[in-house]
């Protein structure tokens, strides 16, 4: 059996194990299947950082955070696989960004919170319709 056939079987074991822990991994399954198909097309026999990076950065015009997400999925699998196949390279975490920049949080002041609490205790507006029961 080829190394890639073993890797496909390992991918199935990895996904089954993670799903048993409560993860859905629908996107991960698609990504990993695509990544292993890429390795097959490249005639590679192990996960390397170069191969993972080349696969993750497709398509060329995509947002870098998309690339980072793809690489993150391969990295998690590679970390798991390295325990069974020592020639597996685990791509470093700082190779690509994982997400785009998050929105800055809005810190509520004490006055904001007091106003929200007053509004929550206020009687409903007289024009408000009561909820209908079915």
N, C-alpha and C. Protein backbone atom coordinates (compact mmCIF):
# COMPACT_ATOMS: atom_id res chain seq x y z
N UNK A 1 0.85 -1.18 0.00
CA UNK A 1 0.00 0.00 0.00
C UNK A 1 0.89 1.24 0.00
N UNK A 2 0.55 2.23 -0.81
CA UNK A 2 1.38 3.43 -0.93
C UNK A 2 1.26 4.31 0.31
N UNK A 3 2.23 5.21 0.44
CA UNK A 3 2.20 6.15 1.57
C UNK A 3 0.96 7.03 1.50
N UNK A 4 0.54 7.41 0.29
CA UNK A 4 -0.65 8.26 0.16
C UNK A 4 -1.92 7.49 0.48
N UNK A 5 -1.96 6.20 0.16
CA UNK A 5 -3.12 5.38 0.56
C UNK A 5 -3.17 5.31 2.08
N UNK A 6 -2.01 5.15 2.71
CA UNK A 6 -1.95 5.18 4.18
C UNK A 6 -2.39 6.53 4.71
N UNK A 7 -2.01 7.60 4.00
CA UNK A 7 -2.38 8.94 4.45
C UNK A 7 -3.89 9.14 4.35
N UNK A 8 -4.51 8.62 3.29
CA UNK A 8 -5.97 8.72 3.18
C UNK A 8 -6.65 7.97 4.33
N UNK A 9 -6.14 6.79 4.64
CA UNK A 9 -6.70 6.03 5.76
C UNK A 9 -6.47 6.80 7.06
N UNK A 10 -5.31 7.40 7.21
CA UNK A 10 -5.01 8.20 8.41
C UNK A 10 -5.94 9.41 8.48
N UNK A 11 -6.22 10.02 7.32
CA UNK A 11 -7.15 11.16 7.30
C UNK A 11 -8.52 10.72 7.80
N UNK A 12 -9.00 9.57 7.34
CA UNK A 12 -10.30 9.06 7.80
C UNK A 12 -10.28 8.81 9.31
N UNK A 13 -9.19 8.24 9.81
CA UNK A 13 -9.06 8.01 11.26
C UNK A 13 -9.05 9.33 12.02
N UNK A 14 -8.30 10.30 11.50
CA UNK A 14 -8.21 11.62 12.12
C UNK A 14 -9.59 12.27 12.21
N UNK A 15 -10.32 12.28 11.09
CA UNK A 15 -11.64 12.90 11.07
C UNK A 15 -12.61 12.16 11.99
N UNK A 16 -12.56 10.83 11.98
CA UNK A 16 -13.44 10.04 12.84
C UNK A 16 -13.14 10.34 14.32
N UNK A 17 -11.87 10.41 14.66
CA UNK A 17 -11.48 10.70 16.05
C UNK A 17 -11.95 12.08 16.47
N UNK A 18 -11.70 13.08 15.64
CA UNK A 18 -12.09 14.45 16.00
C UNK A 18 -13.62 14.59 16.05
N UNK A 19 -14.32 13.91 15.15
CA UNK A 19 -15.79 13.97 15.17
C UNK A 19 -16.34 13.30 16.43
N UNK A 20 -15.69 12.24 16.88
CA UNK A 20 -16.10 11.58 18.12
C UNK A 20 -15.95 12.52 19.32
N UNK A 21 -15.08 13.51 19.18
CA UNK A 21 -14.89 14.50 20.24
C UNK A 21 -15.84 15.68 20.09
N UNK A 22 -16.71 15.65 19.07
CA UNK A 22 -17.73 16.68 18.92
C UNK A 22 -17.50 17.68 17.81
N UNK A 23 -16.41 17.56 17.06
CA UNK A 23 -16.15 18.49 15.97
C UNK A 23 -16.88 18.01 14.71
N UNK A 24 -17.45 18.95 13.95
CA UNK A 24 -18.16 18.58 12.72
C UNK A 24 -17.18 18.37 11.56
N UNK A 25 -16.26 19.28 11.38
CA UNK A 25 -15.16 19.15 10.42
C UNK A 25 -15.60 18.94 8.97
N UNK A 26 -16.75 19.48 8.58
CA UNK A 26 -17.20 19.31 7.20
C UNK A 26 -16.24 19.99 6.22
N UNK A 27 -15.87 21.22 6.52
CA UNK A 27 -14.94 21.93 5.65
C UNK A 27 -13.56 21.28 5.71
N UNK A 28 -13.15 20.85 6.89
CA UNK A 28 -11.85 20.22 7.04
C UNK A 28 -11.75 18.95 6.19
N UNK A 29 -12.81 18.15 6.17
CA UNK A 29 -12.81 16.92 5.38
C UNK A 29 -12.61 17.24 3.90
N UNK A 30 -13.30 18.26 3.44
CA UNK A 30 -13.16 18.67 2.03
C UNK A 30 -11.74 19.15 1.75
N UNK A 31 -11.22 20.01 2.63
CA UNK A 31 -9.87 20.54 2.45
C UNK A 31 -8.83 19.41 2.45
N UNK A 32 -8.93 18.51 3.41
CA UNK A 32 -7.93 17.44 3.50
C UNK A 32 -8.00 16.49 2.31
N UNK A 33 -9.20 16.18 1.87
CA UNK A 33 -9.33 15.34 0.68
C UNK A 33 -8.69 16.02 -0.53
N UNK A 34 -8.93 17.31 -0.66
CA UNK A 34 -8.35 18.08 -1.76
C UNK A 34 -6.82 18.14 -1.63
N UNK A 35 -6.34 18.33 -0.41
CA UNK A 35 -4.90 18.40 -0.19
C UNK A 35 -4.21 17.08 -0.54
N UNK A 36 -4.80 15.97 -0.14
CA UNK A 36 -4.19 14.68 -0.45
C UNK A 36 -4.24 14.42 -1.96
N UNK A 37 -5.31 14.85 -2.62
CA UNK A 37 -5.37 14.74 -4.08
C UNK A 37 -4.25 15.57 -4.71
N UNK A 38 -3.97 16.74 -4.12
CA UNK A 38 -2.86 17.58 -4.60
C UNK A 38 -1.53 16.84 -4.44
N UNK A 39 -1.32 16.22 -3.29
CA UNK A 39 -0.08 15.46 -3.06
C UNK A 39 0.04 14.32 -4.07
N UNK A 40 -1.07 13.65 -4.36
CA UNK A 40 -1.05 12.58 -5.36
C UNK A 40 -0.66 13.11 -6.73
N UNK A 41 -1.24 14.25 -7.10
CA UNK A 41 -0.92 14.85 -8.41
C UNK A 41 0.55 15.28 -8.48
N UNK A 42 1.09 15.69 -7.35
CA UNK A 42 2.50 16.11 -7.29
C UNK A 42 3.45 14.93 -7.08
N UNK A 43 2.89 13.75 -6.95
CA UNK A 43 3.66 12.52 -6.72
C UNK A 43 4.50 12.63 -5.44
N UNK A 44 3.94 13.29 -4.43
CA UNK A 44 4.61 13.42 -3.14
C UNK A 44 4.24 12.22 -2.27
N UNK A 45 5.10 11.87 -1.35
CA UNK A 45 4.80 10.73 -0.49
C UNK A 45 4.69 11.10 0.99
N UNK A 46 4.77 12.40 1.28
CA UNK A 46 4.65 12.86 2.67
C UNK A 46 4.22 14.32 2.67
N UNK A 47 3.72 14.77 3.80
CA UNK A 47 3.37 16.18 3.95
C UNK A 47 4.65 16.95 4.22
N UNK A 48 4.89 17.97 3.39
CA UNK A 48 6.02 18.87 3.62
C UNK A 48 5.46 20.28 3.77
N UNK A 49 6.22 21.14 4.41
CA UNK A 49 5.80 22.53 4.56
C UNK A 49 5.64 23.18 3.20
N UNK A 50 6.57 22.91 2.29
CA UNK A 50 6.50 23.51 0.95
C UNK A 50 5.24 23.08 0.22
N UNK A 51 4.91 21.79 0.28
CA UNK A 51 3.71 21.29 -0.41
C UNK A 51 2.45 21.88 0.23
N UNK A 52 2.41 21.94 1.55
CA UNK A 52 1.25 22.49 2.24
C UNK A 52 1.06 23.96 1.89
N UNK A 53 2.15 24.71 1.85
CA UNK A 53 2.08 26.13 1.51
C UNK A 53 1.65 26.33 0.06
N UNK A 54 2.19 25.52 -0.85
CA UNK A 54 1.81 25.64 -2.26
C UNK A 54 0.33 25.35 -2.45
N UNK A 55 -0.19 24.33 -1.77
CA UNK A 55 -1.61 23.99 -1.88
C UNK A 55 -2.48 25.06 -1.23
N UNK A 56 -2.07 25.53 -0.06
CA UNK A 56 -2.89 26.48 0.70
C UNK A 56 -3.05 27.82 -0.01
N UNK A 57 -2.09 28.22 -0.80
CA UNK A 57 -2.11 29.55 -1.42
C UNK A 57 -2.77 29.54 -2.81
N UNK A 58 -3.65 28.60 -3.03
CA UNK A 58 -4.45 28.54 -4.26
C UNK A 58 -5.89 28.85 -3.87
N UNK A 59 -6.58 29.68 -4.60
CA UNK A 59 -6.19 30.41 -5.80
C UNK A 59 -5.32 31.61 -5.46
N UNK A 60 -4.55 32.03 -6.44
CA UNK A 60 -3.56 33.09 -6.23
C UNK A 60 -4.17 34.40 -5.76
N UNK A 61 -5.35 34.75 -6.20
CA UNK A 61 -5.94 36.04 -5.84
C UNK A 61 -6.78 36.02 -4.58
N UNK A 62 -6.81 34.92 -3.86
CA UNK A 62 -7.66 34.82 -2.67
C UNK A 62 -7.12 35.67 -1.52
N UNK A 63 -7.98 35.93 -0.58
CA UNK A 63 -7.60 36.67 0.63
C UNK A 63 -6.58 35.84 1.42
N UNK A 64 -5.52 36.45 1.90
CA UNK A 64 -4.52 35.70 2.67
C UNK A 64 -5.10 34.98 3.89
N UNK A 65 -6.18 35.50 4.46
CA UNK A 65 -6.77 34.80 5.61
C UNK A 65 -7.41 33.48 5.16
N UNK A 66 -7.88 33.41 3.91
CA UNK A 66 -8.41 32.16 3.36
C UNK A 66 -7.28 31.15 3.23
N UNK A 67 -6.13 31.61 2.74
CA UNK A 67 -4.95 30.74 2.66
C UNK A 67 -4.57 30.23 4.05
N UNK A 68 -4.60 31.14 5.02
CA UNK A 68 -4.25 30.76 6.39
C UNK A 68 -5.19 29.72 6.96
N UNK A 69 -6.47 29.85 6.63
CA UNK A 69 -7.46 28.87 7.09
C UNK A 69 -7.17 27.50 6.49
N UNK A 70 -6.89 27.47 5.19
CA UNK A 70 -6.57 26.21 4.52
C UNK A 70 -5.32 25.57 5.12
N UNK A 71 -4.29 26.38 5.34
CA UNK A 71 -3.05 25.86 5.92
C UNK A 71 -3.27 25.37 7.35
N UNK A 72 -4.12 26.05 8.09
CA UNK A 72 -4.41 25.66 9.47
C UNK A 72 -5.02 24.26 9.54
N UNK A 73 -5.89 23.94 8.59
CA UNK A 73 -6.50 22.60 8.55
C UNK A 73 -5.42 21.55 8.30
N UNK A 74 -4.54 21.82 7.33
CA UNK A 74 -3.45 20.87 7.04
C UNK A 74 -2.52 20.77 8.23
N UNK A 75 -2.23 21.88 8.89
CA UNK A 75 -1.33 21.87 10.04
C UNK A 75 -1.87 20.97 11.15
N UNK A 76 -3.16 21.08 11.44
CA UNK A 76 -3.76 20.25 12.49
C UNK A 76 -3.65 18.76 12.15
N UNK A 77 -3.94 18.44 10.90
CA UNK A 77 -3.82 17.04 10.47
C UNK A 77 -2.36 16.59 10.52
N UNK A 78 -1.46 17.43 10.05
CA UNK A 78 -0.04 17.07 10.04
C UNK A 78 0.49 16.85 11.45
N UNK A 79 0.05 17.67 12.39
CA UNK A 79 0.48 17.51 13.78
C UNK A 79 0.04 16.13 14.29
N UNK A 80 -1.18 15.74 13.96
CA UNK A 80 -1.70 14.44 14.38
C UNK A 80 -0.96 13.31 13.66
N UNK A 81 -0.76 13.47 12.34
CA UNK A 81 -0.14 12.43 11.53
C UNK A 81 1.33 12.21 11.90
N UNK A 82 2.01 13.25 12.34
CA UNK A 82 3.44 13.16 12.67
C UNK A 82 3.70 12.12 13.76
N UNK A 83 2.70 11.85 14.58
CA UNK A 83 2.87 10.83 15.63
C UNK A 83 2.99 9.43 15.03
N UNK A 84 2.44 9.25 13.81
CA UNK A 84 2.43 7.93 13.18
C UNK A 84 3.40 7.84 12.00
N UNK A 85 3.63 8.98 11.34
CA UNK A 85 4.54 9.03 10.20
C UNK A 85 5.58 10.12 10.46
N UNK A 86 6.72 9.72 10.98
CA UNK A 86 7.73 10.69 11.42
C UNK A 86 8.28 11.60 10.31
N UNK A 87 8.12 11.22 9.04
CA UNK A 87 8.61 12.08 7.96
C UNK A 87 7.66 13.22 7.64
N UNK A 88 6.57 13.33 8.38
CA UNK A 88 5.58 14.40 8.19
C UNK A 88 6.13 15.70 8.75
N UNK A 89 6.10 16.76 7.93
CA UNK A 89 6.48 18.09 8.40
C UNK A 89 5.21 18.84 8.83
N UNK A 90 5.30 19.51 9.96
CA UNK A 90 4.18 20.32 10.44
C UNK A 90 4.50 21.78 10.11
N UNK A 91 3.69 22.41 9.24
CA UNK A 91 3.96 23.81 8.89
C UNK A 91 3.90 24.71 10.13
N UNK A 92 4.81 25.68 10.23
CA UNK A 92 4.80 26.57 11.40
C UNK A 92 3.54 27.43 11.45
N UNK A 93 3.16 27.82 12.65
CA UNK A 93 1.92 28.57 12.84
C UNK A 93 1.97 29.99 12.29
N UNK A 94 3.16 30.55 12.16
CA UNK A 94 3.26 31.94 11.71
C UNK A 94 3.50 32.08 10.21
N UNK A 95 3.31 31.00 9.47
CA UNK A 95 3.58 31.02 8.04
C UNK A 95 2.57 31.89 7.28
N UNK A 96 1.30 31.78 7.62
CA UNK A 96 0.23 32.57 7.00
C UNK A 96 -0.73 33.01 8.10
N UNK A 97 -1.39 34.16 7.90
CA UNK A 97 -2.39 34.58 8.90
C UNK A 97 -3.59 33.65 8.85
N UNK A 98 -4.19 33.40 10.00
CA UNK A 98 -5.35 32.50 10.04
C UNK A 98 -6.64 33.25 9.80
N UNK A 99 -6.79 34.45 10.32
CA UNK A 99 -8.03 35.20 10.15
C UNK A 99 -7.73 36.64 9.76
N UNK A 100 -8.75 37.24 9.19
CA UNK A 100 -8.62 38.68 8.94
C UNK A 100 -8.76 39.40 10.28
N UNK A 101 -8.43 40.66 10.29
CA UNK A 101 -8.44 41.42 11.54
C UNK A 101 -9.86 41.53 12.08
N UNK A 102 -10.00 41.30 13.35
CA UNK A 102 -11.31 41.37 14.00
C UNK A 102 -11.71 42.82 14.24
N UNK A 103 -13.02 43.03 14.32
CA UNK A 103 -13.53 44.35 14.65
C UNK A 103 -13.12 44.71 16.08
N UNK A 104 -12.91 45.98 16.30
CA UNK A 104 -12.53 46.43 17.64
C UNK A 104 -13.75 46.40 18.55
N UNK A 105 -13.62 45.85 19.75
CA UNK A 105 -14.78 45.77 20.65
C UNK A 105 -15.21 47.15 21.14
N UNK A 106 -16.50 47.26 21.42
CA UNK A 106 -17.04 48.50 21.95
C UNK A 106 -17.20 48.35 23.46
N UNK A 107 -16.44 49.11 24.24
CA UNK A 107 -16.57 49.01 25.71
C UNK A 107 -17.74 49.85 26.20
N UNK A 108 -18.73 49.20 26.80
CA UNK A 108 -19.88 49.92 27.35
C UNK A 108 -19.47 50.62 28.64
N UNK A 109 -19.93 51.85 28.78
CA UNK A 109 -19.66 52.60 30.01
C UNK A 109 -20.70 52.23 31.05
N UNK A 110 -20.45 52.64 32.29
CA UNK A 110 -21.45 52.41 33.35
C UNK A 110 -22.76 53.10 33.00
N UNK A 111 -22.69 54.28 32.38
CA UNK A 111 -23.91 55.00 31.99
C UNK A 111 -24.67 54.23 30.91
N UNK A 112 -23.94 53.64 29.95
CA UNK A 112 -24.59 52.83 28.90
C UNK A 112 -25.33 51.65 29.51
N UNK A 113 -24.70 50.98 30.45
CA UNK A 113 -25.29 49.80 31.08
C UNK A 113 -26.51 50.20 31.90
N UNK A 114 -26.41 51.32 32.63
CA UNK A 114 -27.55 51.79 33.42
C UNK A 114 -28.73 52.13 32.50
N UNK A 115 -28.48 52.76 31.36
CA UNK A 115 -29.55 53.10 30.42
C UNK A 115 -30.19 51.84 29.84
N UNK A 116 -29.41 50.84 29.54
CA UNK A 116 -29.95 49.57 29.04
C UNK A 116 -30.82 48.89 30.10
N UNK A 117 -30.38 48.91 31.33
CA UNK A 117 -31.16 48.29 32.41
C UNK A 117 -32.48 49.03 32.63
N UNK A 118 -32.46 50.38 32.56
CA UNK A 118 -33.70 51.15 32.69
C UNK A 118 -34.66 50.79 31.56
N UNK A 119 -34.15 50.71 30.36
CA UNK A 119 -34.99 50.39 29.22
C UNK A 119 -35.58 48.98 29.34
N UNK A 120 -34.84 48.07 29.89
CA UNK A 120 -35.32 46.69 30.04
C UNK A 120 -36.42 46.60 31.10
N UNK A 121 -36.37 47.47 32.12
CA UNK A 121 -37.38 47.46 33.18
C UNK A 121 -38.62 48.25 32.81
N UNK A 122 -38.53 49.08 31.78
CA UNK A 122 -39.66 49.95 31.41
C UNK A 122 -40.81 49.12 30.87
N UNK A 123 -42.06 49.60 31.11
CA UNK A 123 -43.21 48.89 30.54
C UNK A 123 -43.16 48.97 29.01
N UNK A 124 -43.78 48.02 28.34
CA UNK A 124 -43.76 48.03 26.88
C UNK A 124 -44.45 49.29 26.34
N UNK A 125 -44.07 49.67 25.17
CA UNK A 125 -44.67 50.82 24.52
C UNK A 125 -46.16 50.56 24.33
N UNK A 126 -47.02 51.58 24.56
CA UNK A 126 -48.46 51.35 24.45
C UNK A 126 -48.90 50.86 23.06
N UNK A 127 -48.17 51.15 22.05
CA UNK A 127 -48.54 50.71 20.69
C UNK A 127 -48.06 49.29 20.38
N UNK A 128 -47.28 48.75 21.29
CA UNK A 128 -46.75 47.41 21.04
C UNK A 128 -47.86 46.39 21.05
N UNK A 129 -47.80 45.45 20.14
CA UNK A 129 -48.79 44.38 20.06
C UNK A 129 -48.39 43.25 21.00
N UNK A 130 -49.36 42.70 21.74
CA UNK A 130 -49.01 41.55 22.57
C UNK A 130 -48.70 40.35 21.67
N UNK A 131 -47.85 39.46 22.14
CA UNK A 131 -47.54 38.28 21.32
C UNK A 131 -48.77 37.43 21.11
N UNK A 132 -48.89 36.87 19.93
CA UNK A 132 -50.03 35.98 19.64
C UNK A 132 -49.66 34.57 20.03
N UNK A 133 -50.67 33.84 20.49
CA UNK A 133 -50.46 32.44 20.89
C UNK A 133 -51.00 31.55 19.80
N UNK A 134 -50.33 30.48 19.58
CA UNK A 134 -50.77 29.54 18.53
C UNK A 134 -51.26 28.28 19.13
